[in-house]
Amino acid sequence: MNNTQADAASAPLPPQRKVDALLAHYGLSHTHPTNEWIHFFAIPAIMLSLTGLLFALHPALVLALLAASMVYYARLSWRFTVCMALSASVLLALVDALQALGILLPVSVVIFVVAWIFQFIGHRIEGKKPSFFEDLQYLLVGPLFVLSKVFLRWGVRW
């Protein structure tokens, strides 16, 4: 091994980005394929239902939560932030449509309960507790975990 190779081998690794550390930790309790599939559908469903529930209480509540979420995501990754902002726009459009039909609250409650039941079934299959039991910020990381799987499939780096 020459000096250049030795220097490269002993050089410290660049620091891991916070988003990568969060996703890696979240991924530890989401390795079973069935649990991953459940999360792939349940997390967006929970996002929709929570958006609907908060909107039903007062539209300003959901806007405040979405704004705070975007600030959190902006500190992690601009690509994730852009995608989450687009997702939030779709969620708001769906919530508006459900509100116009007069079914927002009951639909949101049913989706919320059913999606969480599936989440816990997934964790039962996995044999590991949900990440947010140890740190609530993982409630915001969950959607990024789903998005990261899409990004990986498309070859997009976040």
N, C-alpha and C. Protein backbone atom coordinates (compact mmCIF):
# COMPACT_ATOMS: atom_id res chain seq x y z
N MET A 1 0.85 -1.18 0.00
CA MET A 1 0.00 0.00 0.00
C MET A 1 0.89 1.23 0.00
N ASN A 2 0.65 2.14 -0.93
CA ASN A 2 1.45 3.36 -0.96
C ASN A 2 0.91 4.38 0.04
N ASN A 3 1.61 5.50 0.18
CA ASN A 3 1.22 6.51 1.17
C ASN A 3 -0.15 7.10 0.90
N THR A 4 -0.48 7.31 -0.37
CA THR A 4 -1.78 7.88 -0.72
C THR A 4 -2.90 6.95 -0.30
N GLN A 5 -2.75 5.66 -0.56
CA GLN A 5 -3.77 4.69 -0.15
C GLN A 5 -3.85 4.59 1.36
N ALA A 6 -2.71 4.62 2.03
CA ALA A 6 -2.70 4.55 3.50
C ALA A 6 -3.38 5.78 4.09
N ASP A 7 -3.10 6.95 3.52
CA ASP A 7 -3.74 8.17 4.01
C ASP A 7 -5.24 8.11 3.80
N ALA A 8 -5.68 7.62 2.66
CA ALA A 8 -7.10 7.52 2.36
C ALA A 8 -7.78 6.53 3.29
N ALA A 9 -7.10 5.43 3.58
CA ALA A 9 -7.69 4.40 4.45
C ALA A 9 -7.80 4.88 5.88
N SER A 10 -6.88 5.74 6.31
CA SER A 10 -6.92 6.20 7.71
C SER A 10 -7.65 7.52 7.87
N ALA A 11 -8.02 8.15 6.78
CA ALA A 11 -8.74 9.43 6.85
C ALA A 11 -10.11 9.21 7.47
N PRO A 12 -10.54 10.15 8.29
CA PRO A 12 -11.87 10.00 8.89
C PRO A 12 -12.96 10.08 7.82
N LEU A 13 -14.00 9.32 8.05
CA LEU A 13 -15.14 9.37 7.13
C LEU A 13 -15.85 10.69 7.29
N PRO A 14 -16.44 11.20 6.21
CA PRO A 14 -17.20 12.44 6.36
C PRO A 14 -18.36 12.20 7.32
N PRO A 15 -18.76 13.22 8.05
CA PRO A 15 -19.85 13.03 9.00
C PRO A 15 -21.14 12.63 8.29
N GLN A 16 -21.87 11.72 8.93
CA GLN A 16 -23.14 11.28 8.36
C GLN A 16 -24.17 12.39 8.51
N ARG A 17 -24.91 12.62 7.46
CA ARG A 17 -25.95 13.65 7.53
C ARG A 17 -27.04 13.19 8.49
N LYS A 18 -27.68 14.14 9.13
CA LYS A 18 -28.72 13.82 10.11
C LYS A 18 -29.84 13.00 9.46
N VAL A 19 -30.23 13.36 8.25
CA VAL A 19 -31.32 12.65 7.58
C VAL A 19 -30.95 11.18 7.37
N ASP A 20 -29.69 10.92 7.02
CA ASP A 20 -29.26 9.54 6.82
C ASP A 20 -29.25 8.76 8.13
N ALA A 21 -28.82 9.41 9.20
CA ALA A 21 -28.82 8.76 10.51
C ALA A 21 -30.25 8.45 10.97
N LEU A 22 -31.16 9.38 10.77
CA LEU A 22 -32.56 9.17 11.15
C LEU A 22 -33.18 8.03 10.36
N LEU A 23 -32.95 8.02 9.05
CA LEU A 23 -33.51 6.97 8.21
C LEU A 23 -32.90 5.60 8.54
N ALA A 24 -31.61 5.58 8.83
CA ALA A 24 -30.95 4.32 9.19
C ALA A 24 -31.54 3.78 10.49
N HIS A 25 -31.71 4.65 11.47
CA HIS A 25 -32.27 4.22 12.75
C HIS A 25 -33.72 3.76 12.58
N TYR A 26 -34.48 4.52 11.82
CA TYR A 26 -35.88 4.15 11.56
C TYR A 26 -35.94 2.80 10.86
N GLY A 27 -35.03 2.60 9.93
CA GLY A 27 -35.00 1.36 9.17
C GLY A 27 -34.73 0.13 10.01
N LEU A 28 -34.08 0.29 11.16
CA LEU A 28 -33.79 -0.85 12.02
C LEU A 28 -35.06 -1.56 12.50
N SER A 29 -36.13 -0.83 12.65
CA SER A 29 -37.38 -1.46 13.10
C SER A 29 -38.38 -1.62 11.95
N HIS A 30 -37.85 -1.57 10.73
CA HIS A 30 -38.68 -1.72 9.55
C HIS A 30 -37.95 -2.54 8.48
N THR A 31 -37.55 -3.74 8.85
CA THR A 31 -36.78 -4.59 7.93
C THR A 31 -37.60 -5.72 7.32
N HIS A 32 -38.67 -6.10 7.97
CA HIS A 32 -39.50 -7.19 7.44
C HIS A 32 -40.28 -6.67 6.22
N PRO A 33 -40.24 -7.40 5.11
CA PRO A 33 -40.91 -6.91 3.89
C PRO A 33 -42.41 -6.61 4.09
N THR A 34 -43.10 -7.42 4.87
CA THR A 34 -44.53 -7.17 5.10
C THR A 34 -44.73 -5.88 5.87
N ASN A 35 -43.91 -5.66 6.87
CA ASN A 35 -44.00 -4.41 7.65
C ASN A 35 -43.70 -3.21 6.76
N GLU A 36 -42.70 -3.34 5.89
CA GLU A 36 -42.39 -2.24 4.98
C GLU A 36 -43.57 -1.93 4.06
N TRP A 37 -44.21 -2.97 3.51
CA TRP A 37 -45.36 -2.76 2.63
C TRP A 37 -46.52 -2.11 3.37
N ILE A 38 -46.76 -2.58 4.59
CA ILE A 38 -47.82 -1.98 5.40
C ILE A 38 -47.53 -0.50 5.59
N HIS A 39 -46.29 -0.16 5.93
CA HIS A 39 -45.93 1.24 6.14
C HIS A 39 -46.05 2.05 4.85
N PHE A 40 -45.74 1.42 3.74
CA PHE A 40 -45.80 2.11 2.46
C PHE A 40 -47.20 2.64 2.17
N PHE A 41 -48.21 1.94 2.65
CA PHE A 41 -49.60 2.38 2.45
C PHE A 41 -50.18 3.08 3.67
N ALA A 42 -49.84 2.59 4.86
CA ALA A 42 -50.45 3.14 6.08
C ALA A 42 -49.94 4.54 6.41
N ILE A 43 -48.67 4.81 6.17
CA ILE A 43 -48.15 6.14 6.51
C ILE A 43 -48.83 7.23 5.67
N PRO A 44 -48.93 7.10 4.36
CA PRO A 44 -49.69 8.12 3.62
C PRO A 44 -51.16 8.20 4.07
N ALA A 45 -51.75 7.06 4.41
CA ALA A 45 -53.14 7.08 4.89
C ALA A 45 -53.24 7.84 6.21
N ILE A 46 -52.30 7.63 7.10
CA ILE A 46 -52.30 8.37 8.37
C ILE A 46 -52.09 9.85 8.12
N MET A 47 -51.21 10.17 7.18
CA MET A 47 -51.00 11.59 6.84
C MET A 47 -52.29 12.22 6.35
N LEU A 48 -53.00 11.52 5.48
CA LEU A 48 -54.28 12.03 4.98
C LEU A 48 -55.28 12.19 6.12
N SER A 49 -55.39 11.17 6.96
CA SER A 49 -56.38 11.22 8.03
C SER A 49 -56.05 12.31 9.05
N LEU A 50 -54.79 12.45 9.38
CA LEU A 50 -54.41 13.49 10.34
C LEU A 50 -54.66 14.88 9.76
N THR A 51 -54.36 15.04 8.49
CA THR A 51 -54.65 16.31 7.82
C THR A 51 -56.15 16.59 7.88
N GLY A 52 -56.94 15.56 7.62
CA GLY A 52 -58.40 15.72 7.67
C GLY A 52 -58.92 16.02 9.07
N LEU A 53 -58.40 15.32 10.06
CA LEU A 53 -58.84 15.54 11.44
C LEU A 53 -58.52 16.95 11.91
N LEU A 54 -57.30 17.40 11.62
CA LEU A 54 -56.92 18.76 12.03
C LEU A 54 -57.71 19.81 11.27
N PHE A 55 -57.93 19.57 9.98
CA PHE A 55 -58.73 20.50 9.17
C PHE A 55 -60.15 20.59 9.72
N ALA A 56 -60.70 19.45 10.14
CA ALA A 56 -62.06 19.43 10.69
C ALA A 56 -62.14 20.25 11.97
N LEU A 57 -61.06 20.24 12.76
CA LEU A 57 -61.04 21.07 13.97
C LEU A 57 -60.93 22.55 13.62
N HIS A 58 -59.95 22.86 12.76
CA HIS A 58 -59.79 24.22 12.25
C HIS A 58 -58.71 24.19 11.17
N PRO A 59 -58.99 24.73 10.01
CA PRO A 59 -58.00 24.70 8.92
C PRO A 59 -56.64 25.28 9.30
N ALA A 60 -56.62 26.27 10.20
CA ALA A 60 -55.35 26.87 10.61
C ALA A 60 -54.46 25.85 11.33
N LEU A 61 -55.06 24.89 12.01
CA LEU A 61 -54.27 23.87 12.71
C LEU A 61 -53.46 23.02 11.73
N VAL A 62 -54.10 22.59 10.67
CA VAL A 62 -53.39 21.76 9.70
C VAL A 62 -52.34 22.58 8.97
N LEU A 63 -52.62 23.82 8.67
CA LEU A 63 -51.63 24.67 8.00
C LEU A 63 -50.42 24.90 8.90
N ALA A 64 -50.65 25.09 10.20
CA ALA A 64 -49.54 25.27 11.15
C ALA A 64 -48.70 24.00 11.24
N LEU A 65 -49.35 22.84 11.31
CA LEU A 65 -48.61 21.57 11.37
C LEU A 65 -47.80 21.36 10.09
N LEU A 66 -48.40 21.62 8.95
CA LEU A 66 -47.69 21.43 7.68
C LEU A 66 -46.51 22.40 7.57
N ALA A 67 -46.70 23.63 8.01
CA ALA A 67 -45.61 24.61 7.96
C ALA A 67 -44.46 24.18 8.87
N ALA A 68 -44.79 23.74 10.07
CA ALA A 68 -43.75 23.27 11.00
C ALA A 68 -43.03 22.05 10.44
N SER A 69 -43.78 21.16 9.80
CA SER A 69 -43.18 19.97 9.19
C SER A 69 -42.22 20.36 8.08
N MET A 70 -42.59 21.34 7.29
CA MET A 70 -41.72 21.77 6.19
C MET A 70 -40.42 22.37 6.72
N VAL A 71 -40.50 23.10 7.83
CA VAL A 71 -39.29 23.64 8.45
C VAL A 71 -38.39 22.49 8.89
N TYR A 72 -38.98 21.47 9.52
CA TYR A 72 -38.22 20.29 9.95
C TYR A 72 -37.57 19.61 8.75
N TYR A 73 -38.34 19.38 7.69
CA TYR A 73 -37.81 18.71 6.51
C TYR A 73 -36.73 19.54 5.82
N ALA A 74 -36.90 20.86 5.80
CA ALA A 74 -35.91 21.74 5.17
C ALA A 74 -34.56 21.64 5.86
N ARG A 75 -34.55 21.32 7.12
CA ARG A 75 -33.30 21.17 7.85
C ARG A 75 -32.61 19.84 7.53
N LEU A 76 -33.35 18.94 6.88
CA LEU A 76 -32.81 17.61 6.58
C LEU A 76 -32.40 17.44 5.12
N SER A 77 -33.27 17.86 4.19
CA SER A 77 -33.00 17.61 2.77
C SER A 77 -33.94 18.45 1.92
N TRP A 78 -33.36 19.18 0.98
CA TRP A 78 -34.22 20.01 0.13
C TRP A 78 -35.08 19.14 -0.78
N ARG A 79 -34.56 18.00 -1.26
CA ARG A 79 -35.36 17.14 -2.13
C ARG A 79 -36.56 16.56 -1.38
N PHE A 80 -36.32 16.13 -0.16
CA PHE A 80 -37.43 15.63 0.65
C PHE A 80 -38.45 16.75 0.91
N THR A 81 -37.95 17.94 1.17
CA THR A 81 -38.85 19.07 1.45
C THR A 81 -39.75 19.36 0.26
N VAL A 82 -39.18 19.40 -0.92
CA VAL A 82 -39.98 19.66 -2.12
C VAL A 82 -41.04 18.58 -2.30
N CYS A 83 -40.64 17.33 -2.16
CA CYS A 83 -41.61 16.23 -2.32
C CYS A 83 -42.67 16.24 -1.24
N MET A 84 -42.27 16.57 -0.02
CA MET A 84 -43.26 16.62 1.06
C MET A 84 -44.21 17.82 0.88
N ALA A 85 -43.72 18.91 0.33
CA ALA A 85 -44.59 20.06 0.04
C ALA A 85 -45.60 19.69 -1.04
N LEU A 86 -45.14 18.98 -2.07
CA LEU A 86 -46.07 18.51 -3.10
C LEU A 86 -47.09 17.53 -2.51
N SER A 87 -46.62 16.65 -1.65
CA SER A 87 -47.53 15.69 -0.98
C SER A 87 -48.55 16.43 -0.14
N ALA A 88 -48.10 17.46 0.57
CA ALA A 88 -49.02 18.24 1.40
C ALA A 88 -50.09 18.91 0.54
N SER A 89 -49.71 19.36 -0.63
CA SER A 89 -50.68 19.98 -1.54
C SER A 89 -51.74 18.97 -1.98
N VAL A 90 -51.31 17.76 -2.28
CA VAL A 90 -52.25 16.70 -2.66
C VAL A 90 -53.17 16.37 -1.49
N LEU A 91 -52.58 16.24 -0.29
CA LEU A 91 -53.39 15.95 0.90
C LEU A 91 -54.45 17.03 1.12
N LEU A 92 -54.05 18.28 1.01
CA LEU A 92 -55.00 19.38 1.21
C LEU A 92 -56.11 19.35 0.16
N ALA A 93 -55.77 19.01 -1.07
CA ALA A 93 -56.79 18.92 -2.13
C ALA A 93 -57.77 17.78 -1.83
N LEU A 94 -57.25 16.65 -1.37
CA LEU A 94 -58.13 15.52 -1.01
C LEU A 94 -59.02 15.88 0.18
N VAL A 95 -58.44 16.54 1.16
CA VAL A 95 -59.21 16.95 2.34
C VAL A 95 -60.30 17.94 1.93
N ASP A 96 -59.96 18.86 1.05
CA ASP A 96 -60.95 19.83 0.58
C ASP A 96 -62.10 19.12 -0.14
N ALA A 97 -61.77 18.11 -0.94
CA ALA A 97 -62.81 17.35 -1.65
C ALA A 97 -63.70 16.59 -0.67
N LEU A 98 -63.10 15.98 0.33
CA LEU A 98 -63.89 15.27 1.34
C LEU A 98 -64.77 16.23 2.13
N GLN A 99 -64.23 17.41 2.41
CA GLN A 99 -65.01 18.44 3.13
C GLN A 99 -66.19 18.88 2.28
N ALA A 100 -65.97 19.07 0.99
CA ALA A 100 -67.04 19.50 0.09
C ALA A 100 -68.15 18.46 0.01
N LEU A 101 -67.78 17.19 0.14
CA LEU A 101 -68.78 16.10 0.14
C LEU A 101 -69.45 15.92 1.49
N GLY A 102 -68.95 16.62 2.51
CA GLY A 102 -69.52 16.53 3.85
C GLY A 102 -69.15 15.25 4.59
N ILE A 103 -68.07 14.59 4.17
CA ILE A 103 -67.70 13.32 4.80
C ILE A 103 -66.29 13.34 5.39
N LEU A 104 -65.72 14.51 5.53
CA LEU A 104 -64.33 14.62 5.97
C LEU A 104 -64.09 13.96 7.33
N LEU A 105 -64.85 14.33 8.33
CA LEU A 105 -64.59 13.83 9.67
C LEU A 105 -64.75 12.32 9.79
N PRO A 106 -65.87 11.74 9.37
CA PRO A 106 -65.99 10.28 9.52
C PRO A 106 -64.96 9.50 8.71
N VAL A 107 -64.67 9.95 7.50
CA VAL A 107 -63.68 9.26 6.67
C VAL A 107 -62.30 9.37 7.32
N SER A 108 -61.96 10.53 7.83
CA SER A 108 -60.65 10.72 8.48
C SER A 108 -60.51 9.84 9.71
N VAL A 109 -61.56 9.74 10.51
CA VAL A 109 -61.51 8.90 11.71
C VAL A 109 -61.31 7.44 11.33
N VAL A 110 -62.07 6.96 10.38
CA VAL A 110 -61.97 5.54 9.96
C VAL A 110 -60.57 5.25 9.40
N ILE A 111 -60.09 6.12 8.52
CA ILE A 111 -58.76 5.90 7.95
C ILE A 111 -57.69 5.92 9.04
N PHE A 112 -57.80 6.86 9.97
CA PHE A 112 -56.83 6.97 11.05
C PHE A 112 -56.77 5.68 11.88
N VAL A 113 -57.92 5.20 12.30
CA VAL A 113 -57.97 3.99 13.13
C VAL A 113 -57.47 2.77 12.37
N VAL A 114 -57.97 2.57 11.17
CA VAL A 114 -57.59 1.39 10.38
C VAL A 114 -56.09 1.41 10.04
N ALA A 115 -55.58 2.56 9.64
CA ALA A 115 -54.17 2.65 9.28
C ALA A 115 -53.27 2.36 10.48
N TRP A 116 -53.63 2.89 11.66
CA TRP A 116 -52.83 2.61 12.85
C TRP A 116 -52.91 1.15 13.26
N ILE A 117 -54.06 0.54 13.09
CA ILE A 117 -54.17 -0.90 13.38
C ILE A 117 -53.20 -1.66 12.49
N PHE A 118 -53.17 -1.33 11.21
CA PHE A 118 -52.24 -2.00 10.31
C PHE A 118 -50.78 -1.72 10.68
N GLN A 119 -50.49 -0.48 11.09
CA GLN A 119 -49.13 -0.17 11.52
C GLN A 119 -48.69 -1.09 12.67
N PHE A 120 -49.57 -1.25 13.64
CA PHE A 120 -49.21 -2.08 14.79
C PHE A 120 -49.17 -3.56 14.42
N ILE A 121 -49.99 -3.98 13.47
CA ILE A 121 -49.89 -5.36 12.96
C ILE A 121 -48.51 -5.54 12.31
N GLY A 122 -48.09 -4.57 11.53
CA GLY A 122 -46.77 -4.63 10.90
C GLY A 122 -45.65 -4.74 11.91
N HIS A 123 -45.76 -3.99 12.99
CA HIS A 123 -44.72 -4.06 14.02
C HIS A 123 -44.79 -5.36 14.81
N ARG A 124 -45.97 -5.90 14.91
CA ARG A 124 -46.09 -7.23 15.54
C ARG A 124 -45.39 -8.28 14.68
N ILE A 125 -45.60 -8.20 13.38
CA ILE A 125 -44.92 -9.10 12.44
C ILE A 125 -43.40 -8.89 12.53
N GLU A 126 -42.99 -7.63 12.58
CA GLU A 126 -41.58 -7.27 12.65
C GLU A 126 -40.95 -7.74 13.96
N GLY A 127 -41.75 -7.69 15.03
CA GLY A 127 -41.22 -8.05 16.34
C GLY A 127 -40.46 -6.91 17.00
N LYS A 128 -40.71 -5.69 16.52
CA LYS A 128 -40.04 -4.52 17.08
C LYS A 128 -41.05 -3.40 17.28
N LYS A 129 -40.81 -2.60 18.32
CA LYS A 129 -41.72 -1.50 18.59
C LYS A 129 -41.52 -0.37 17.58
N PRO A 130 -42.55 0.44 17.38
CA PRO A 130 -42.41 1.59 16.47
C PRO A 130 -41.33 2.56 16.98
N SER A 131 -40.62 3.17 16.06
CA SER A 131 -39.52 4.09 16.40
C SER A 131 -40.00 5.28 17.21
N PHE A 132 -41.21 5.75 16.96
CA PHE A 132 -41.67 6.95 17.66
C PHE A 132 -41.91 6.70 19.14
N PHE A 133 -41.91 5.44 19.58
CA PHE A 133 -42.02 5.15 21.01
C PHE A 133 -40.80 5.67 21.77
N GLU A 134 -39.66 5.77 21.08
CA GLU A 134 -38.46 6.27 21.75
C GLU A 134 -38.19 7.73 21.45
N ASP A 135 -38.73 8.25 20.34
CA ASP A 135 -38.52 9.65 19.98
C ASP A 135 -39.62 10.08 19.02
N LEU A 136 -40.40 11.06 19.43
CA LEU A 136 -41.56 11.48 18.64
C LEU A 136 -41.20 12.04 17.26
N GLN A 137 -39.96 12.49 17.08
CA GLN A 137 -39.60 13.03 15.76
C GLN A 137 -39.72 11.96 14.68
N TYR A 138 -39.73 10.68 15.08
CA TYR A 138 -39.87 9.62 14.07
C TYR A 138 -41.26 9.59 13.45
N LEU A 139 -42.21 10.30 14.04
CA LEU A 139 -43.51 10.46 13.38
C LEU A 139 -43.34 11.29 12.10
N LEU A 140 -42.37 12.18 12.10
CA LEU A 140 -42.07 12.97 10.90
C LEU A 140 -41.09 12.26 9.97
N VAL A 141 -40.33 11.32 10.50
CA VAL A 141 -39.37 10.57 9.70
C VAL A 141 -40.07 9.48 8.89
N GLY A 142 -41.16 8.93 9.43
CA GLY A 142 -41.89 7.87 8.73
C GLY A 142 -42.22 8.20 7.29
N PRO A 143 -42.80 9.37 7.01
CA PRO A 143 -43.06 9.72 5.61
C PRO A 143 -41.79 9.80 4.76
N LEU A 144 -40.69 10.23 5.36
CA LEU A 144 -39.42 10.28 4.63
C LEU A 144 -38.91 8.87 4.34
N PHE A 145 -39.17 7.94 5.25
CA PHE A 145 -38.78 6.54 5.03
C PHE A 145 -39.48 6.00 3.79
N VAL A 146 -40.77 6.25 3.69
CA VAL A 146 -41.53 5.81 2.52
C VAL A 146 -40.97 6.49 1.27
N LEU A 147 -40.77 7.79 1.34
CA LEU A 147 -40.24 8.54 0.20
C LEU A 147 -38.83 8.06 -0.17
N SER A 148 -38.02 7.73 0.83
CA SER A 148 -36.66 7.25 0.54
C SER A 148 -36.69 5.94 -0.24
N LYS A 149 -37.67 5.09 0.04
CA LYS A 149 -37.80 3.83 -0.72
C LYS A 149 -38.12 4.13 -2.19
N VAL A 150 -38.96 5.12 -2.42
CA VAL A 150 -39.29 5.53 -3.79
C VAL A 150 -38.05 6.11 -4.45
N PHE A 151 -37.35 6.99 -3.74
CA PHE A 151 -36.13 7.59 -4.28
C PHE A 151 -35.11 6.51 -4.64
N LEU A 152 -34.92 5.52 -3.76
CA LEU A 152 -33.96 4.45 -4.04
C LEU A 152 -34.33 3.70 -5.31
N ARG A 153 -35.62 3.42 -5.46
CA ARG A 153 -36.07 2.69 -6.65
C ARG A 153 -35.81 3.51 -7.91
N TRP A 154 -35.95 4.81 -7.83
CA TRP A 154 -35.75 5.68 -8.98
C TRP A 154 -34.29 6.11 -9.15
N GLY A 155 -33.44 5.75 -8.19
CA GLY A 155 -32.02 6.14 -8.27
C GLY A 155 -31.79 7.61 -7.93
N VAL A 156 -32.66 8.19 -7.11
CA VAL A 156 -32.55 9.59 -6.73
C VAL A 156 -31.90 9.68 -5.35
N ARG A 157 -30.91 10.52 -5.23
CA ARG A 157 -30.24 10.75 -3.94
C ARG A 157 -30.93 11.91 -3.23
N TRP A 158 -31.17 11.74 -1.97
CA TRP A 158 -31.83 12.80 -1.23
C TRP A 158 -30.80 13.63 -0.50
